Amino acid sequence: MRFIFGLVFFVIIGALMSAGCTQSQPGTSASMEQSQAAVPTGVGIAPPSAIESYAPPPVDIAVSAQINEKDQLDKSISVFFSGGRGQKMVRSSWVVIQRDDGSIERVDLTPEVQHEVILKGSDGEDLVRVYAEYFDGNVYQIAEKNVRMRLRV
């Protein structure tokens, strides 16, 4: 009889441990996946919620990106993935540009050193943010810059 009670006890404990937590905590990857579900992949127009501010990655797994100035002729903005200590932990990265006219666009950026994307900027000031999603599901903001046309003197 004790054997049956012991067996039932371990089966119940095992089921509880394998079930885990079914609710996502605020700020976890499940809530981030929901917020990113509406953002299209590749090149496209992103909803206003796509411009979100995330924390930078921890120093021991940090990666970075370089956002260059606007080209004077065609208003293009080049963005480079610079890599870093945590480069092998990055699943994907992308760039979001919010132009002066309010339009928002998301462009995928391959997380390889010196991989480049070129964005079409506006005549005014544009906000460019670069994000990285790690294999553990965490999303970090790795670069941000307000880019405007340089004044010629």
C-alpha atoms as a PDB file:
ATOM      1  CA  MET A   1       0.000   0.000   0.000  1.00  0.00           C
ATOM      2  CA  ARG A   2       2.869   2.359   0.818  1.00  0.00           C
ATOM      3  CA  PHE A   3       4.406   1.525  -2.513  1.00  0.00           C
ATOM      4  CA  ILE A   4       1.250   2.655  -4.376  1.00  0.00           C
ATOM      5  CA  PHE A   5       1.046   5.924  -2.409  1.00  0.00           C
ATOM      6  CA  GLY A   6       4.741   6.568  -3.037  1.00  0.00           C
ATOM      7  CA  LEU A   7       4.336   5.830  -6.744  1.00  0.00           C
ATOM      8  CA  VAL A   8       1.295   8.140  -7.034  1.00  0.00           C
ATOM      9  CA  PHE A   9       3.170  10.855  -5.139  1.00  0.00           C
ATOM     10  CA  PHE A  10       6.155  10.705  -7.532  1.00  0.00           C
ATOM     11  CA  VAL A  11       3.894  10.644 -10.594  1.00  0.00           C
ATOM     12  CA  ILE A  12       2.074  13.778  -9.390  1.00  0.00           C
ATOM     13  CA  ILE A  13       5.340  15.560  -8.544  1.00  0.00           C
ATOM     14  CA  GLY A  14       6.793  14.545 -11.916  1.00  0.00           C
ATOM     15  CA  ALA A  15       3.722  15.859 -13.749  1.00  0.00           C
ATOM     16  CA  LEU A  16       3.896  19.173 -11.883  1.00  0.00           C
ATOM     17  CA  MET A  17       7.588  19.594 -12.618  1.00  0.00           C
ATOM     18  CA  SER A  18       7.221  18.771 -16.300  1.00  0.00           C
ATOM     19  CA  ALA A  19       4.236  21.124 -16.691  1.00  0.00           C
ATOM     20  CA  GLY A  20       6.215  24.157 -15.547  1.00  0.00           C
ATOM     21  CA  CYS A  21       4.838  27.659 -15.517  1.00  0.00           C
ATOM     22  CA  THR A  22       2.049  28.251 -18.018  1.00  0.00           C
ATOM     23  CA  GLN A  23       1.762  32.023 -17.649  1.00  0.00           C
ATOM     24  CA  SER A  24       4.353  34.304 -19.158  1.00  0.00           C
ATOM     25  CA  GLN A  25       5.911  36.883 -16.906  1.00  0.00           C
ATOM     26  CA  PRO A  26       6.045  40.557 -17.996  1.00  0.00           C
ATOM     27  CA  GLY A  27       9.157  41.254 -20.046  1.00  0.00           C
ATOM     28  CA  THR A  28       9.814  37.608 -20.917  1.00  0.00           C
ATOM     29  CA  SER A  29      10.316  36.288 -24.389  1.00  0.00           C
ATOM     30  CA  ALA A  30       6.642  35.273 -24.715  1.00  0.00           C
ATOM     31  CA  SER A  31       5.488  38.874 -24.334  1.00  0.00           C
ATOM     32  CA  MET A  32       8.264  40.006 -26.703  1.00  0.00           C
ATOM     33  CA  GLU A  33       7.176  37.444 -29.290  1.00  0.00           C
ATOM     34  CA  GLN A  34       3.628  38.788 -29.105  1.00  0.00           C
ATOM     35  CA  SER A  35       4.829  42.350 -29.637  1.00  0.00           C
ATOM     36  CA  GLN A  36       6.989  41.269 -32.571  1.00  0.00           C
ATOM     37  CA  ALA A  37       4.332  39.099 -34.175  1.00  0.00           C
ATOM     38  CA  ALA A  38       2.796  42.143 -35.862  1.00  0.00           C
ATOM     39  CA  VAL A  39       6.154  43.284 -37.250  1.00  0.00           C
ATOM     40  CA  PRO A  40       6.780  41.904 -40.733  1.00  0.00           C
ATOM     41  CA  THR A  41      10.066  40.254 -41.543  1.00  0.00           C
ATOM     42  CA  GLY A  42      12.334  41.483 -44.277  1.00  0.00           C
ATOM     43  CA  VAL A  43      11.709  44.880 -45.762  1.00  0.00           C
ATOM     44  CA  GLY A  44       8.320  46.368 -45.104  1.00  0.00           C
ATOM     45  CA  ILE A  45       6.254  48.889 -43.261  1.00  0.00           C
ATOM     46  CA  ALA A  46       6.137  48.261 -39.532  1.00  0.00           C
ATOM     47  CA  PRO A  47       3.425  49.431 -37.131  1.00  0.00           C
ATOM     48  CA  PRO A  48       4.207  52.236 -34.648  1.00  0.00           C
ATOM     49  CA  SER A  49       4.640  49.632 -31.885  1.00  0.00           C
ATOM     50  CA  ALA A  50       7.732  48.394 -33.750  1.00  0.00           C
ATOM     51  CA  ILE A  51       9.727  51.324 -32.369  1.00  0.00           C
ATOM     52  CA  GLU A  52      10.230  49.982 -28.892  1.00  0.00           C
ATOM     53  CA  SER A  53      13.053  50.638 -26.540  1.00  0.00           C
ATOM     54  CA  TYR A  54      14.792  47.569 -25.129  1.00  0.00           C
ATOM     55  CA  ALA A  55      17.674  47.425 -22.696  1.00  0.00           C
ATOM     56  CA  PRO A  56      21.208  46.978 -24.050  1.00  0.00           C
ATOM     57  CA  PRO A  57      22.678  43.471 -23.785  1.00  0.00           C
ATOM     58  CA  PRO A  58      24.807  42.533 -20.770  1.00  0.00           C
ATOM     59  CA  VAL A  59      28.489  43.416 -21.236  1.00  0.00           C
ATOM     60  CA  ASP A  60      29.656  39.782 -21.305  1.00  0.00           C
ATOM     61  CA  ILE A  61      27.407  38.956 -24.309  1.00  0.00           C
ATOM     62  CA  ALA A  62      27.254  42.375 -25.968  1.00  0.00           C
ATOM     63  CA  VAL A  63      27.169  43.000 -29.698  1.00  0.00           C
ATOM     64  CA  SER A  64      26.996  46.324 -31.482  1.00  0.00           C
ATOM     65  CA  ALA A  65      26.080  47.992 -34.745  1.00  0.00           C
ATOM     66  CA  GLN A  66      27.320  51.111 -36.501  1.00  0.00           C
ATOM     67  CA  ILE A  67      24.830  53.641 -37.880  1.00  0.00           C
ATOM     68  CA  ASN A  68      26.446  56.024 -40.359  1.00  0.00           C
ATOM     69  CA  GLU A  69      25.445  59.567 -41.354  1.00  0.00           C
ATOM     70  CA  LYS A  70      23.071  60.261 -44.247  1.00  0.00           C
ATOM     71  CA  ASP A  71      24.493  60.419 -47.707  1.00  0.00           C
ATOM     72  CA  GLN A  72      24.141  64.006 -48.990  1.00  0.00           C
ATOM     73  CA  LEU A  73      23.035  62.975 -52.476  1.00  0.00           C
ATOM     74  CA  ASP A  74      20.447  60.235 -52.031  1.00  0.00           C
ATOM     75  CA  LYS A  75      19.659  60.529 -48.272  1.00  0.00           C
ATOM     76  CA  SER A  76      20.602  56.864 -47.725  1.00  0.00           C
ATOM     77  CA  ILE A  77      21.771  55.612 -44.320  1.00  0.00           C
ATOM     78  CA  SER A  78      24.092  52.618 -44.055  1.00  0.00           C
ATOM     79  CA  VAL A  79      24.018  50.366 -41.005  1.00  0.00           C
ATOM     80  CA  PHE A  80      26.689  47.749 -40.231  1.00  0.00           C
ATOM     81  CA  PHE A  81      26.557  44.827 -37.798  1.00  0.00           C
ATOM     82  CA  SER A  82      29.804  45.154 -35.817  1.00  0.00           C
ATOM     83  CA  GLY A  83      29.749  41.910 -33.829  1.00  0.00           C
ATOM     84  CA  GLY A  84      31.113  41.496 -30.327  1.00  0.00           C
ATOM     85  CA  ARG A  85      31.529  38.978 -27.516  1.00  0.00           C
ATOM     86  CA  GLY A  86      28.016  37.565 -27.848  1.00  0.00           C
ATOM     87  CA  GLN A  87      27.893  37.323 -31.626  1.00  0.00           C
ATOM     88  CA  LYS A  88      27.539  33.543 -31.652  1.00  0.00           C
ATOM     89  CA  MET A  89      24.521  33.874 -29.352  1.00  0.00           C
ATOM     90  CA  VAL A  90      22.549  36.132 -31.721  1.00  0.00           C
ATOM     91  CA  ARG A  91      19.730  34.444 -33.642  1.00  0.00           C
ATOM     92  CA  SER A  92      18.658  37.471 -35.683  1.00  0.00           C
ATOM     93  CA  SER A  93      18.979  41.221 -35.867  1.00  0.00           C
ATOM     94  CA  TRP A  94      17.040  43.968 -37.578  1.00  0.00           C
ATOM     95  CA  VAL A  95      16.967  47.707 -38.103  1.00  0.00           C
ATOM     96  CA  VAL A  96      13.922  49.923 -37.611  1.00  0.00           C
ATOM     97  CA  ILE A  97      13.853  53.422 -39.083  1.00  0.00           C
ATOM     98  CA  GLN A  98      11.264  56.012 -38.135  1.00  0.00           C
ATOM     99  CA  ARG A  99      11.392  58.764 -40.698  1.00  0.00           C
ATOM    100  CA  ASP A 100      10.634  62.419 -40.174  1.00  0.00           C
ATOM    101  CA  ASP A 101       7.276  62.003 -41.971  1.00  0.00           C
ATOM    102  CA  GLY A 102       6.186  59.345 -39.429  1.00  0.00           C
ATOM    103  CA  SER A 103       6.654  56.292 -41.649  1.00  0.00           C
ATOM    104  CA  ILE A 104       8.293  53.271 -40.025  1.00  0.00           C
ATOM    105  CA  GLU A 105      10.199  50.520 -41.797  1.00  0.00           C
ATOM    106  CA  ARG A 106      11.881  47.348 -40.573  1.00  0.00           C
ATOM    107  CA  VAL A 107      14.789  45.730 -42.422  1.00  0.00           C
ATOM    108  CA  ASP A 108      16.505  42.464 -41.464  1.00  0.00           C
ATOM    109  CA  LEU A 109      20.247  42.696 -40.760  1.00  0.00           C
ATOM    110  CA  THR A 110      22.255  39.466 -40.908  1.00  0.00           C
ATOM    111  CA  PRO A 111      24.183  39.112 -37.623  1.00  0.00           C
ATOM    112  CA  GLU A 112      27.586  38.698 -39.277  1.00  0.00           C
ATOM    113  CA  VAL A 113      30.476  41.129 -38.872  1.00  0.00           C
ATOM    114  CA  GLN A 114      30.418  43.953 -41.441  1.00  0.00           C
ATOM    115  CA  HIS A 115      27.082  42.892 -42.923  1.00  0.00           C
ATOM    116  CA  GLU A 116      25.421  46.062 -44.205  1.00  0.00           C
ATOM    117  CA  VAL A 117      21.937  47.308 -44.989  1.00  0.00           C
ATOM    118  CA  ILE A 118      21.165  50.616 -46.646  1.00  0.00           C
ATOM    119  CA  LEU A 119      18.057  52.496 -45.564  1.00  0.00           C
ATOM    120  CA  LYS A 120      16.251  55.218 -47.451  1.00  0.00           C
ATOM    121  CA  GLY A 121      16.160  58.301 -45.249  1.00  0.00           C
ATOM    122  CA  SER A 122      14.049  61.437 -45.418  1.00  0.00           C
ATOM    123  CA  ASP A 123      14.901  65.133 -45.745  1.00  0.00           C
ATOM    124  CA  GLY A 124      14.447  65.625 -41.991  1.00  0.00           C
ATOM    125  CA  GLU A 125      15.675  63.838 -38.890  1.00  0.00           C
ATOM    126  CA  ASP A 126      15.252  60.047 -38.802  1.00  0.00           C
ATOM    127  CA  LEU A 127      15.447  57.745 -35.783  1.00  0.00           C
ATOM    128  CA  VAL A 128      17.352  54.499 -36.459  1.00  0.00           C
ATOM    129  CA  ARG A 129      17.428  51.638 -33.942  1.00  0.00           C
ATOM    130  CA  VAL A 130      19.129  48.262 -34.248  1.00  0.00           C
ATOM    131  CA  TYR A 131      17.894  45.211 -32.317  1.00  0.00           C
ATOM    132  CA  ALA A 132      19.292  41.728 -31.712  1.00  0.00           C
ATOM    133  CA  GLU A 133      17.399  38.626 -30.638  1.00  0.00           C
ATOM    134  CA  TYR A 134      19.494  36.036 -28.840  1.00  0.00           C
ATOM    135  CA  PHE A 135      18.930  32.281 -28.933  1.00  0.00           C
ATOM    136  CA  ASP A 136      17.577  32.426 -25.365  1.00  0.00           C
ATOM    137  CA  GLY A 137      14.674  34.571 -26.643  1.00  0.00           C
ATOM    138  CA  ASN A 138      15.812  37.885 -25.162  1.00  0.00           C
ATOM    139  CA  VAL A 139      15.702  40.961 -27.392  1.00  0.00           C
ATOM    140  CA  TYR A 140      18.166  43.803 -26.870  1.00  0.00           C
ATOM    141  CA  GLN A 141      18.628  47.189 -28.485  1.00  0.00           C
ATOM    142  CA  ILE A 142      22.227  47.356 -29.678  1.00  0.00           C
ATOM    143  CA  ALA A 143      22.325  50.812 -31.326  1.00  0.00           C
ATOM    144  CA  GLU A 144      20.275  53.989 -31.683  1.00  0.00           C
ATOM    145  CA  LYS A 145      20.934  57.235 -33.500  1.00  0.00           C
ATOM    146  CA  ASN A 146      19.040  60.295 -34.668  1.00  0.00           C
ATOM    147  CA  VAL A 147      20.299  60.916 -38.177  1.00  0.00           C
ATOM    148  CA  ARG A 148      19.801  64.197 -40.017  1.00  0.00           C
ATOM    149  CA  MET A 149      21.209  65.886 -43.067  1.00  0.00           C
ATOM    150  CA  ARG A 150      24.472  67.665 -42.377  1.00  0.00           C
ATOM    151  CA  LEU A 151      24.439  71.363 -43.046  1.00  0.00           C
ATOM    152  CA  ARG A 152      26.874  72.587 -45.653  1.00  0.00           C
ATOM    153  CA  VAL A 153      28.790  75.683 -44.712  1.00  0.00           C
END
